[in-house]
């Protein structure tokens, strides 16, 4: 009799534990609230006078809304510096000035969509407006000119990351910044490969 009661008690405890286990597996992993992040890495320009890369980085911050247990949608603003790159010889030899280096930087405003594969791992896509401020040589190989420009273009990117604590995560990212102004014939499309750290409030 005692063995039967013990077996029933054990079976009841096991049955009661099943919903709790499923509830734990279904626990929300989407993040909601304010956040700030910084990234640093290598920015590569491959267009016209420029075919090289340089150190780059940026900062951003915003607010995420949980739209389901695994997914968050964030609105963010930031600032990115994409380095200075020397022109190729075929352009610099035809340039009369002393400074042929490009420079690209600017503010960003956009959205990011984050999906949590698990409580630890996530993937993210993002994009928005890039308020580019740059300088460099035009694409005229025979007679390049050095110009400054300001334009509103776009950026887009993707990344994966790991939540090392409730408020901290690190990530690997690729972002594309369309830094150009067609009427001045200058194009500095830039790919940024970076590592990032994020803090959530």
N, C-alpha and C. Protein backbone atom coordinates (compact mmCIF):
# COMPACT_ATOMS: atom_id res chain seq x y z
N UNK A 1 0.82 -1.20 0.00
CA UNK A 1 0.00 0.00 0.00
C UNK A 1 0.86 1.26 0.00
N UNK A 2 1.90 1.24 0.86
CA UNK A 2 2.79 2.38 0.93
C UNK A 2 3.50 2.59 -0.40
N UNK A 3 3.90 1.45 -1.02
CA UNK A 3 4.57 1.56 -2.31
C UNK A 3 3.63 2.14 -3.36
N UNK A 4 2.35 1.75 -3.31
CA UNK A 4 1.37 2.26 -4.27
C UNK A 4 1.16 3.76 -4.08
N UNK A 5 1.01 4.17 -2.80
CA UNK A 5 0.83 5.60 -2.52
C UNK A 5 2.06 6.40 -2.96
N UNK A 6 3.24 5.83 -2.72
CA UNK A 6 4.47 6.52 -3.12
C UNK A 6 4.54 6.65 -4.64
N UNK A 7 4.14 5.57 -5.34
CA UNK A 7 4.15 5.60 -6.80
C UNK A 7 3.15 6.62 -7.34
N UNK A 8 1.95 6.68 -6.71
CA UNK A 8 0.94 7.66 -7.13
C UNK A 8 1.43 9.09 -6.89
N UNK A 9 2.05 9.29 -5.72
CA UNK A 9 2.56 10.62 -5.40
C UNK A 9 3.65 11.03 -6.37
N UNK A 10 4.52 10.09 -6.73
CA UNK A 10 5.60 10.37 -7.68
C UNK A 10 5.04 10.67 -9.06
N UNK A 11 4.04 9.89 -9.48
CA UNK A 11 3.43 10.12 -10.79
C UNK A 11 2.71 11.46 -10.82
N UNK A 12 2.00 11.80 -9.74
CA UNK A 12 1.30 13.09 -9.67
C UNK A 12 2.29 14.25 -9.74
N UNK A 13 3.40 14.11 -9.01
CA UNK A 13 4.42 15.15 -9.04
C UNK A 13 5.00 15.31 -10.44
N UNK A 14 5.19 14.16 -11.12
CA UNK A 14 5.72 14.22 -12.49
C UNK A 14 4.76 14.89 -13.44
N UNK A 15 3.46 14.56 -13.33
CA UNK A 15 2.45 15.18 -14.19
C UNK A 15 2.35 16.68 -13.93
N UNK A 16 2.44 17.06 -12.66
CA UNK A 16 2.36 18.48 -12.32
C UNK A 16 3.59 19.24 -12.80
N UNK A 17 4.72 18.54 -12.91
CA UNK A 17 5.95 19.20 -13.34
C UNK A 17 5.97 19.46 -14.84
N UNK A 18 5.18 18.68 -15.61
CA UNK A 18 5.19 18.84 -17.07
C UNK A 18 4.75 20.23 -17.50
N UNK A 19 3.58 20.75 -17.00
CA UNK A 19 3.21 22.11 -17.40
C UNK A 19 4.24 23.15 -17.01
N UNK A 20 4.84 22.94 -15.83
CA UNK A 20 5.86 23.89 -15.39
C UNK A 20 7.06 23.89 -16.33
N UNK A 21 7.44 22.69 -16.80
CA UNK A 21 8.57 22.59 -17.72
C UNK A 21 8.25 23.26 -19.04
N UNK A 22 7.02 23.03 -19.55
CA UNK A 22 6.63 23.68 -20.80
C UNK A 22 6.55 25.19 -20.62
N UNK A 23 6.07 25.63 -19.46
CA UNK A 23 6.00 27.07 -19.21
C UNK A 23 7.38 27.68 -19.20
N UNK A 24 8.36 26.96 -18.66
CA UNK A 24 9.72 27.45 -18.64
C UNK A 24 10.27 27.56 -20.06
N UNK A 25 10.00 26.53 -20.90
CA UNK A 25 10.46 26.57 -22.28
C UNK A 25 9.82 27.71 -23.06
N UNK A 26 8.56 28.04 -22.72
CA UNK A 26 7.83 29.06 -23.45
C UNK A 26 8.01 30.45 -22.85
N UNK A 27 8.89 30.59 -21.89
CA UNK A 27 9.10 31.88 -21.25
C UNK A 27 9.53 32.92 -22.29
N UNK A 28 9.02 34.14 -22.18
CA UNK A 28 9.37 35.17 -23.17
C UNK A 28 10.87 35.45 -23.17
N UNK A 29 11.42 35.61 -24.36
CA UNK A 29 12.83 35.98 -24.50
C UNK A 29 12.99 37.33 -25.19
N UNK A 30 11.90 37.89 -25.73
CA UNK A 30 11.97 39.18 -26.41
C UNK A 30 12.33 40.28 -25.41
N UNK A 31 13.15 41.22 -25.87
CA UNK A 31 13.56 42.31 -25.01
C UNK A 31 12.68 43.53 -25.25
N UNK A 32 12.42 44.27 -24.17
CA UNK A 32 11.65 45.50 -24.28
C UNK A 32 12.28 46.54 -23.37
N UNK A 33 12.41 47.76 -23.87
CA UNK A 33 12.96 48.84 -23.06
C UNK A 33 14.06 49.59 -23.79
N UNK A 34 14.68 50.52 -23.07
CA UNK A 34 15.74 51.36 -23.63
C UNK A 34 17.05 50.59 -23.72
N UNK A 35 17.87 50.97 -24.70
CA UNK A 35 19.19 50.34 -24.86
C UNK A 35 20.16 51.32 -25.51
N UNK A 36 21.44 51.08 -25.27
CA UNK A 36 22.52 51.81 -25.94
C UNK A 36 23.54 50.77 -26.39
N UNK A 37 24.24 51.03 -27.48
CA UNK A 37 25.28 50.10 -27.94
C UNK A 37 26.38 50.86 -28.66
N UNK A 38 27.52 50.22 -28.76
CA UNK A 38 28.66 50.76 -29.48
C UNK A 38 29.29 49.64 -30.29
N UNK A 39 29.84 49.98 -31.45
CA UNK A 39 30.51 48.97 -32.27
C UNK A 39 31.78 49.53 -32.87
N UNK A 40 32.69 48.64 -33.23
CA UNK A 40 33.96 49.02 -33.84
C UNK A 40 34.39 47.90 -34.77
N UNK A 41 35.06 48.29 -35.87
CA UNK A 41 35.50 47.27 -36.82
C UNK A 41 36.18 47.87 -38.04
N UNK A 42 35.97 47.23 -39.17
CA UNK A 42 36.65 47.56 -40.42
C UNK A 42 35.63 48.00 -41.46
N UNK A 43 35.85 49.20 -42.03
CA UNK A 43 34.97 49.73 -43.07
C UNK A 43 35.68 49.66 -44.41
N UNK A 44 35.01 49.10 -45.42
CA UNK A 44 35.60 48.89 -46.73
C UNK A 44 34.84 49.66 -47.80
N UNK A 45 35.58 50.44 -48.61
CA UNK A 45 35.01 51.18 -49.74
C UNK A 45 35.57 50.59 -51.02
N UNK A 46 34.72 50.24 -51.97
CA UNK A 46 35.17 49.65 -53.24
C UNK A 46 34.37 50.27 -54.38
N UNK A 47 34.71 51.50 -54.72
CA UNK A 47 34.01 52.18 -55.79
C UNK A 47 34.86 53.33 -56.32
N UNK A 48 35.00 53.44 -57.62
CA UNK A 48 35.69 54.57 -58.24
C UNK A 48 37.12 54.71 -57.75
N UNK A 49 37.46 55.88 -57.19
CA UNK A 49 38.84 56.13 -56.77
C UNK A 49 39.29 55.29 -55.57
N UNK A 50 38.34 54.67 -54.86
CA UNK A 50 38.68 54.05 -53.60
C UNK A 50 38.44 52.54 -53.61
N UNK A 51 39.43 51.82 -53.12
CA UNK A 51 39.34 50.36 -53.02
C UNK A 51 40.20 49.92 -51.83
N UNK A 52 39.73 50.27 -50.66
CA UNK A 52 40.53 50.03 -49.47
C UNK A 52 39.61 50.11 -48.25
N UNK A 53 40.20 49.97 -47.08
CA UNK A 53 39.42 50.01 -45.86
C UNK A 53 40.13 50.71 -44.74
N UNK A 54 39.41 50.94 -43.65
CA UNK A 54 39.95 51.69 -42.53
C UNK A 54 39.15 51.36 -41.28
N UNK A 55 39.71 51.68 -40.11
CA UNK A 55 39.01 51.50 -38.83
C UNK A 55 37.76 52.36 -38.81
N UNK A 56 36.69 51.83 -38.23
CA UNK A 56 35.43 52.57 -38.14
C UNK A 56 34.68 52.14 -36.89
N UNK A 57 33.66 52.92 -36.55
CA UNK A 57 32.85 52.57 -35.40
C UNK A 57 31.69 53.52 -35.23
N UNK A 58 30.85 53.22 -34.26
CA UNK A 58 29.69 54.07 -34.05
C UNK A 58 29.01 53.78 -32.73
N UNK A 59 28.02 54.61 -32.43
CA UNK A 59 27.19 54.44 -31.24
C UNK A 59 25.74 54.62 -31.65
N UNK A 60 24.83 54.02 -30.89
CA UNK A 60 23.41 54.18 -31.16
C UNK A 60 22.63 53.86 -29.90
N UNK A 61 21.37 54.26 -29.93
CA UNK A 61 20.49 53.97 -28.81
C UNK A 61 19.06 54.05 -29.25
N UNK A 62 18.18 53.44 -28.47
CA UNK A 62 16.77 53.47 -28.84
C UNK A 62 15.91 52.72 -27.85
N UNK A 63 14.73 52.35 -28.32
CA UNK A 63 13.76 51.65 -27.48
C UNK A 63 13.17 50.48 -28.26
N UNK A 64 13.10 49.31 -27.62
CA UNK A 64 12.53 48.12 -28.25
C UNK A 64 11.16 47.81 -27.64
N UNK A 65 10.25 47.35 -28.53
CA UNK A 65 8.93 46.89 -28.14
C UNK A 65 8.84 45.40 -28.43
N UNK A 66 8.42 44.61 -27.45
CA UNK A 66 8.21 43.18 -27.67
C UNK A 66 6.91 43.00 -28.44
N UNK A 67 6.99 42.39 -29.63
CA UNK A 67 5.78 42.19 -30.44
C UNK A 67 5.26 40.75 -30.37
N UNK A 68 6.07 39.83 -29.88
CA UNK A 68 5.64 38.48 -29.50
C UNK A 68 6.70 37.92 -28.56
N UNK A 69 6.54 36.73 -28.02
CA UNK A 69 7.50 36.26 -27.01
C UNK A 69 8.95 36.18 -27.46
N UNK A 70 9.20 36.08 -28.77
CA UNK A 70 10.57 35.93 -29.25
C UNK A 70 11.09 37.16 -30.02
N UNK A 71 10.21 38.08 -30.40
CA UNK A 71 10.57 39.11 -31.36
C UNK A 71 10.37 40.51 -30.80
N UNK A 72 11.35 41.39 -31.07
CA UNK A 72 11.26 42.79 -30.67
C UNK A 72 11.46 43.68 -31.88
N UNK A 73 10.77 44.82 -31.88
CA UNK A 73 10.95 45.85 -32.90
C UNK A 73 11.45 47.10 -32.20
N UNK A 74 12.57 47.62 -32.67
CA UNK A 74 13.18 48.78 -32.04
C UNK A 74 13.27 49.97 -32.97
N UNK A 75 13.15 51.16 -32.39
CA UNK A 75 13.40 52.42 -33.10
C UNK A 75 14.67 53.00 -32.51
N UNK A 76 15.62 53.41 -33.38
CA UNK A 76 16.93 53.82 -32.88
C UNK A 76 17.50 54.98 -33.68
N UNK A 77 18.40 55.72 -33.03
CA UNK A 77 19.18 56.77 -33.68
C UNK A 77 20.64 56.54 -33.32
N UNK A 78 21.55 57.02 -34.17
CA UNK A 78 22.96 56.80 -33.89
C UNK A 78 23.86 57.69 -34.70
N UNK A 79 25.14 57.43 -34.55
CA UNK A 79 26.17 58.17 -35.28
C UNK A 79 27.27 57.18 -35.64
N UNK A 80 27.76 57.25 -36.88
CA UNK A 80 28.78 56.32 -37.34
C UNK A 80 29.92 57.08 -38.02
N UNK A 81 31.14 56.65 -37.75
CA UNK A 81 32.34 57.18 -38.40
C UNK A 81 32.94 56.05 -39.22
N UNK A 82 33.10 56.28 -40.54
CA UNK A 82 33.50 55.20 -41.44
C UNK A 82 34.91 55.37 -42.01
N UNK A 83 35.72 56.19 -41.37
CA UNK A 83 37.14 56.23 -41.68
C UNK A 83 37.54 57.10 -42.86
N UNK A 84 38.87 57.10 -43.10
CA UNK A 84 39.48 57.84 -44.20
C UNK A 84 40.27 56.85 -45.05
N UNK A 85 40.06 56.89 -46.36
CA UNK A 85 40.68 55.93 -47.28
C UNK A 85 41.43 56.67 -48.37
N UNK A 86 42.65 56.22 -48.66
CA UNK A 86 43.46 56.84 -49.72
C UNK A 86 43.00 56.37 -51.09
N UNK A 87 43.08 57.27 -52.07
CA UNK A 87 42.65 56.96 -53.43
C UNK A 87 43.66 56.04 -54.12
N UNK A 88 43.20 55.31 -55.13
CA UNK A 88 44.07 54.48 -55.94
C UNK A 88 45.00 55.35 -56.77
N UNK A 89 46.16 54.79 -57.13
CA UNK A 89 47.16 55.56 -57.89
C UNK A 89 46.62 56.11 -59.20
N UNK A 90 45.79 55.34 -59.89
CA UNK A 90 45.28 55.78 -61.19
C UNK A 90 44.46 57.06 -61.07
N UNK A 91 43.90 57.33 -59.90
CA UNK A 91 43.17 58.57 -59.68
C UNK A 91 44.06 59.63 -59.05
N UNK A 92 44.85 59.25 -58.04
CA UNK A 92 45.65 60.23 -57.32
C UNK A 92 46.72 60.86 -58.21
N UNK A 93 47.21 60.10 -59.22
CA UNK A 93 48.22 60.67 -60.13
C UNK A 93 47.64 61.79 -60.99
N UNK A 94 46.34 61.76 -61.20
CA UNK A 94 45.69 62.79 -62.02
C UNK A 94 45.03 63.88 -61.17
N UNK A 95 45.27 63.83 -59.88
CA UNK A 95 44.68 64.82 -58.98
C UNK A 95 45.74 65.84 -58.60
N UNK A 96 45.41 67.11 -58.77
CA UNK A 96 46.40 68.16 -58.56
C UNK A 96 46.60 68.52 -57.09
N UNK A 97 45.66 68.18 -56.23
CA UNK A 97 45.75 68.55 -54.82
C UNK A 97 46.65 67.63 -54.01
N UNK A 98 46.80 67.96 -52.74
CA UNK A 98 47.67 67.18 -51.85
C UNK A 98 46.91 66.16 -51.01
N UNK A 99 45.60 66.32 -50.87
CA UNK A 99 44.81 65.41 -50.04
C UNK A 99 43.80 64.66 -50.90
N UNK A 100 43.99 63.36 -51.06
CA UNK A 100 43.06 62.56 -51.86
C UNK A 100 42.25 61.59 -51.01
N UNK A 101 42.33 61.70 -49.67
CA UNK A 101 41.65 60.75 -48.80
C UNK A 101 40.16 61.04 -48.70
N UNK A 102 39.39 59.97 -48.70
CA UNK A 102 37.95 60.10 -48.47
C UNK A 102 37.68 60.19 -46.98
N UNK A 103 36.49 60.68 -46.65
CA UNK A 103 36.03 60.69 -45.27
C UNK A 103 34.51 60.56 -45.30
N UNK A 104 33.97 59.68 -44.47
CA UNK A 104 32.53 59.49 -44.44
C UNK A 104 32.07 59.27 -43.01
N UNK A 105 31.03 60.00 -42.64
CA UNK A 105 30.44 59.88 -41.32
C UNK A 105 29.00 60.36 -41.40
N UNK A 106 28.25 60.20 -40.32
CA UNK A 106 26.91 60.72 -40.34
C UNK A 106 26.00 60.11 -39.29
N UNK A 107 24.84 60.73 -39.14
CA UNK A 107 23.82 60.26 -38.22
C UNK A 107 22.92 59.24 -38.90
N UNK A 108 22.30 58.39 -38.10
CA UNK A 108 21.36 57.38 -38.61
C UNK A 108 20.06 57.43 -37.81
N UNK A 109 18.98 57.05 -38.46
CA UNK A 109 17.69 56.90 -37.79
C UNK A 109 16.95 55.77 -38.48
N UNK A 110 16.57 54.75 -37.72
CA UNK A 110 15.94 53.60 -38.37
C UNK A 110 15.27 52.66 -37.40
N UNK A 111 15.02 51.45 -37.90
CA UNK A 111 14.35 50.39 -37.14
C UNK A 111 15.22 49.15 -37.10
N UNK A 112 15.08 48.35 -36.05
CA UNK A 112 15.72 47.03 -36.01
C UNK A 112 14.72 45.99 -35.56
N UNK A 113 14.82 44.82 -36.14
CA UNK A 113 13.95 43.69 -35.81
C UNK A 113 14.83 42.58 -35.25
N UNK A 114 14.59 42.20 -34.00
CA UNK A 114 15.42 41.20 -33.33
C UNK A 114 14.59 39.97 -33.00
N UNK A 115 15.15 38.80 -33.35
CA UNK A 115 14.50 37.52 -33.05
C UNK A 115 15.41 36.71 -32.14
N UNK A 116 14.88 36.25 -31.03
CA UNK A 116 15.64 35.45 -30.06
C UNK A 116 15.45 33.97 -30.35
N UNK A 117 16.50 33.31 -30.81
CA UNK A 117 16.45 31.87 -31.05
C UNK A 117 16.36 31.10 -29.74
N UNK A 118 16.92 31.68 -28.69
CA UNK A 118 16.91 31.09 -27.36
C UNK A 118 17.13 32.24 -26.38
N UNK A 119 17.09 31.98 -25.07
CA UNK A 119 17.38 33.07 -24.14
C UNK A 119 18.77 33.68 -24.33
N UNK A 120 19.69 32.93 -24.95
CA UNK A 120 21.06 33.42 -25.11
C UNK A 120 21.36 34.01 -26.48
N UNK A 121 20.82 33.42 -27.55
CA UNK A 121 21.21 33.79 -28.91
C UNK A 121 20.10 34.55 -29.63
N UNK A 122 20.51 35.53 -30.45
CA UNK A 122 19.55 36.29 -31.23
C UNK A 122 20.11 36.63 -32.61
N UNK A 123 19.21 36.93 -33.52
CA UNK A 123 19.56 37.46 -34.83
C UNK A 123 18.83 38.77 -35.04
N UNK A 124 19.38 39.64 -35.88
CA UNK A 124 18.80 40.97 -36.04
C UNK A 124 18.99 41.47 -37.46
N UNK A 125 17.99 42.18 -37.97
CA UNK A 125 18.11 42.94 -39.23
C UNK A 125 17.72 44.37 -38.91
N UNK A 126 18.27 45.33 -39.68
CA UNK A 126 18.03 46.74 -39.40
C UNK A 126 18.18 47.56 -40.66
N UNK A 127 17.67 48.77 -40.62
CA UNK A 127 17.80 49.67 -41.76
C UNK A 127 17.12 50.99 -41.48
N UNK A 128 17.45 51.98 -42.32
CA UNK A 128 16.85 53.29 -42.14
C UNK A 128 17.58 54.35 -42.93
N UNK A 129 17.47 55.58 -42.47
CA UNK A 129 18.06 56.74 -43.16
C UNK A 129 19.47 57.00 -42.65
N UNK A 130 20.36 57.31 -43.59
CA UNK A 130 21.74 57.66 -43.28
C UNK A 130 21.98 59.09 -43.75
N UNK A 131 22.20 60.00 -42.81
CA UNK A 131 22.43 61.41 -43.12
C UNK A 131 23.93 61.60 -43.31
N UNK A 132 24.38 61.31 -44.52
CA UNK A 132 25.81 61.21 -44.81
C UNK A 132 26.47 62.58 -44.93
N UNK A 133 27.66 62.67 -44.37
CA UNK A 133 28.52 63.84 -44.53
C UNK A 133 29.88 63.32 -44.94
N UNK A 134 30.34 63.68 -46.14
CA UNK A 134 31.58 63.08 -46.62
C UNK A 134 32.39 64.01 -47.50
N UNK A 135 33.53 63.50 -47.89
CA UNK A 135 34.43 64.20 -48.80
C UNK A 135 35.30 63.18 -49.51
N UNK A 136 35.79 63.56 -50.69
CA UNK A 136 36.65 62.67 -51.44
C UNK A 136 36.70 63.04 -52.90
N UNK A 137 37.37 62.19 -53.69
CA UNK A 137 37.52 62.43 -55.11
C UNK A 137 36.30 61.97 -55.88
N UNK A 138 35.99 62.69 -56.95
CA UNK A 138 34.91 62.28 -57.84
C UNK A 138 35.34 61.08 -58.67
N UNK A 139 34.39 60.48 -59.38
CA UNK A 139 34.66 59.26 -60.14
C UNK A 139 35.25 59.52 -61.52
N UNK A 140 35.61 60.74 -61.81
CA UNK A 140 36.22 61.08 -63.11
C UNK A 140 37.71 60.74 -63.06
N UNK A 141 38.08 59.60 -63.66
CA UNK A 141 39.47 59.13 -63.58
C UNK A 141 40.45 60.11 -64.24
N UNK A 142 40.06 60.71 -65.35
CA UNK A 142 40.98 61.60 -66.08
C UNK A 142 41.19 62.93 -65.38
N UNK A 143 40.14 63.42 -64.69
CA UNK A 143 40.24 64.73 -64.05
C UNK A 143 39.45 64.74 -62.74
N UNK A 144 39.90 63.97 -61.75
CA UNK A 144 39.15 63.90 -60.49
C UNK A 144 39.21 65.21 -59.72
N UNK A 145 38.12 65.54 -59.07
CA UNK A 145 38.05 66.72 -58.21
C UNK A 145 37.76 66.29 -56.78
N UNK A 146 38.22 67.09 -55.84
CA UNK A 146 37.95 66.83 -54.42
C UNK A 146 36.72 67.64 -54.03
N UNK A 147 35.68 66.95 -53.53
CA UNK A 147 34.43 67.63 -53.19
C UNK A 147 33.96 67.22 -51.80
N UNK A 148 33.17 68.09 -51.21
CA UNK A 148 32.47 67.81 -49.95
C UNK A 148 31.00 67.63 -50.27
N UNK A 149 30.32 66.79 -49.52
CA UNK A 149 28.90 66.59 -49.78
C UNK A 149 28.14 66.24 -48.51
N UNK A 150 26.85 66.53 -48.56
CA UNK A 150 25.89 66.13 -47.54
C UNK A 150 24.68 65.55 -48.27
N UNK A 151 24.26 64.36 -47.90
CA UNK A 151 23.12 63.76 -48.56
C UNK A 151 22.39 62.82 -47.61
N UNK A 152 21.12 62.62 -47.89
CA UNK A 152 20.32 61.67 -47.12
C UNK A 152 20.15 60.42 -47.95
N UNK A 153 20.76 59.33 -47.49
CA UNK A 153 20.73 58.06 -48.21
C UNK A 153 20.13 56.99 -47.30
N UNK A 154 20.66 55.79 -47.33
CA UNK A 154 20.11 54.72 -46.50
C UNK A 154 21.22 53.83 -45.95
N UNK A 155 20.88 53.08 -44.92
CA UNK A 155 21.77 52.03 -44.42
C UNK A 155 20.94 50.79 -44.17
N UNK A 156 21.60 49.64 -44.17
CA UNK A 156 20.94 48.36 -43.89
C UNK A 156 21.99 47.41 -43.32
N UNK A 157 21.54 46.45 -42.52
CA UNK A 157 22.50 45.54 -41.94
C UNK A 157 21.85 44.34 -41.28
N UNK A 158 22.70 43.46 -40.79
CA UNK A 158 22.26 42.25 -40.10
C UNK A 158 23.33 41.85 -39.10
N UNK A 159 22.94 41.05 -38.13
CA UNK A 159 23.91 40.60 -37.13
C UNK A 159 23.38 39.45 -36.31
N UNK A 160 24.29 38.85 -35.57
CA UNK A 160 23.95 37.82 -34.59
C UNK A 160 24.62 38.20 -33.28
N UNK A 161 24.02 37.77 -32.17
CA UNK A 161 24.59 38.14 -30.89
C UNK A 161 24.30 37.14 -29.80
N UNK A 162 24.92 37.38 -28.67
CA UNK A 162 24.82 36.50 -27.51
C UNK A 162 24.56 37.34 -26.27
N UNK A 163 23.54 36.99 -25.51
CA UNK A 163 23.21 37.68 -24.26
C UNK A 163 24.06 37.10 -23.13
N UNK A 164 25.05 37.86 -22.70
CA UNK A 164 25.95 37.35 -21.65
C UNK A 164 25.37 37.59 -20.26
N UNK A 165 24.37 38.44 -20.16
CA UNK A 165 23.65 38.69 -18.91
C UNK A 165 22.31 39.30 -19.28
N UNK A 166 21.46 39.54 -18.29
CA UNK A 166 20.14 40.07 -18.58
C UNK A 166 20.22 41.42 -19.28
N UNK A 167 21.22 42.24 -18.93
CA UNK A 167 21.31 43.59 -19.48
C UNK A 167 22.41 43.77 -20.52
N UNK A 168 23.24 42.76 -20.73
CA UNK A 168 24.39 42.90 -21.62
C UNK A 168 24.36 41.87 -22.73
N UNK A 169 24.80 42.30 -23.92
CA UNK A 169 24.99 41.35 -25.03
C UNK A 169 26.16 41.81 -25.89
N UNK A 170 26.72 40.87 -26.64
CA UNK A 170 27.77 41.16 -27.60
C UNK A 170 27.33 40.59 -28.95
N UNK A 171 27.85 41.17 -30.05
CA UNK A 171 27.40 40.72 -31.35
C UNK A 171 28.43 40.89 -32.45
N UNK A 172 28.18 40.22 -33.58
CA UNK A 172 28.95 40.36 -34.81
C UNK A 172 28.00 40.92 -35.87
N UNK A 173 28.46 41.94 -36.62
CA UNK A 173 27.56 42.67 -37.49
C UNK A 173 28.15 42.97 -38.86
N UNK A 174 27.25 43.07 -39.84
CA UNK A 174 27.57 43.63 -41.15
C UNK A 174 26.56 44.73 -41.44
N UNK A 175 27.06 45.90 -41.87
CA UNK A 175 26.19 47.01 -42.22
C UNK A 175 26.68 47.66 -43.51
N UNK A 176 25.73 48.12 -44.30
CA UNK A 176 26.03 48.81 -45.56
C UNK A 176 25.52 50.25 -45.47
N UNK A 177 26.40 51.21 -45.78
CA UNK A 177 26.05 52.62 -45.75
C UNK A 177 26.23 53.20 -47.15
N UNK A 178 25.15 53.72 -47.70
CA UNK A 178 25.19 54.28 -49.05
C UNK A 178 25.56 55.76 -48.99
N UNK A 179 26.86 56.01 -48.86
CA UNK A 179 27.34 57.38 -48.80
C UNK A 179 27.68 57.90 -50.18
N UNK A 180 26.83 58.73 -50.75
CA UNK A 180 27.09 59.23 -52.10
C UNK A 180 26.24 60.46 -52.37
N UNK A 181 26.63 61.17 -53.42
CA UNK A 181 25.81 62.26 -53.95
C UNK A 181 26.03 62.28 -55.46
N UNK A 182 25.04 61.80 -56.19
CA UNK A 182 25.19 61.57 -57.63
C UNK A 182 25.45 62.84 -58.42
N UNK A 183 24.82 63.95 -58.03
CA UNK A 183 25.01 65.16 -58.82
C UNK A 183 26.41 65.75 -58.68
N UNK A 184 27.16 65.30 -57.68
CA UNK A 184 28.56 65.70 -57.56
C UNK A 184 29.51 64.60 -58.03
N UNK A 185 28.93 63.46 -58.49
CA UNK A 185 29.71 62.35 -59.02
C UNK A 185 30.67 61.76 -57.99
N UNK A 186 30.21 61.70 -56.74
CA UNK A 186 31.01 61.06 -55.70
C UNK A 186 30.19 59.94 -55.07
N UNK A 187 30.85 58.77 -54.94
CA UNK A 187 30.17 57.59 -54.41
C UNK A 187 31.11 56.87 -53.44
N UNK A 188 30.67 56.77 -52.20
CA UNK A 188 31.46 56.09 -51.16
C UNK A 188 30.62 55.01 -50.48
N UNK A 189 30.11 54.03 -51.24
CA UNK A 189 29.36 52.94 -50.60
C UNK A 189 30.29 52.13 -49.70
N UNK A 190 29.88 51.94 -48.46
CA UNK A 190 30.79 51.38 -47.46
C UNK A 190 30.18 50.18 -46.76
N UNK A 191 30.93 49.10 -46.69
CA UNK A 191 30.57 47.92 -45.90
C UNK A 191 31.33 47.97 -44.58
N UNK A 192 30.61 47.85 -43.49
CA UNK A 192 31.23 47.87 -42.16
C UNK A 192 31.06 46.51 -41.50
N UNK A 193 32.18 45.89 -41.13
CA UNK A 193 32.19 44.62 -40.41
C UNK A 193 32.65 44.91 -38.99
N UNK A 194 31.83 44.61 -37.99
CA UNK A 194 32.15 45.09 -36.65
C UNK A 194 31.71 44.12 -35.57
N UNK A 195 32.27 44.35 -34.40
CA UNK A 195 31.81 43.71 -33.16
C UNK A 195 31.11 44.78 -32.33
N UNK A 196 30.14 44.37 -31.53
CA UNK A 196 29.37 45.36 -30.79
C UNK A 196 29.11 44.88 -29.37
N UNK A 197 28.82 45.85 -28.51
CA UNK A 197 28.39 45.58 -27.14
C UNK A 197 27.16 46.43 -26.87
N UNK A 198 26.18 45.83 -26.21
CA UNK A 198 24.92 46.53 -25.96
C UNK A 198 24.56 46.43 -24.48
N UNK A 199 24.06 47.55 -23.95
CA UNK A 199 23.55 47.56 -22.56
C UNK A 199 22.07 47.93 -22.61
N UNK A 200 21.24 47.17 -21.90
CA UNK A 200 19.80 47.40 -21.84
C UNK A 200 19.41 47.86 -20.45
N UNK A 201 18.63 48.91 -20.38
CA UNK A 201 18.20 49.48 -19.10
C UNK A 201 16.99 48.74 -18.54
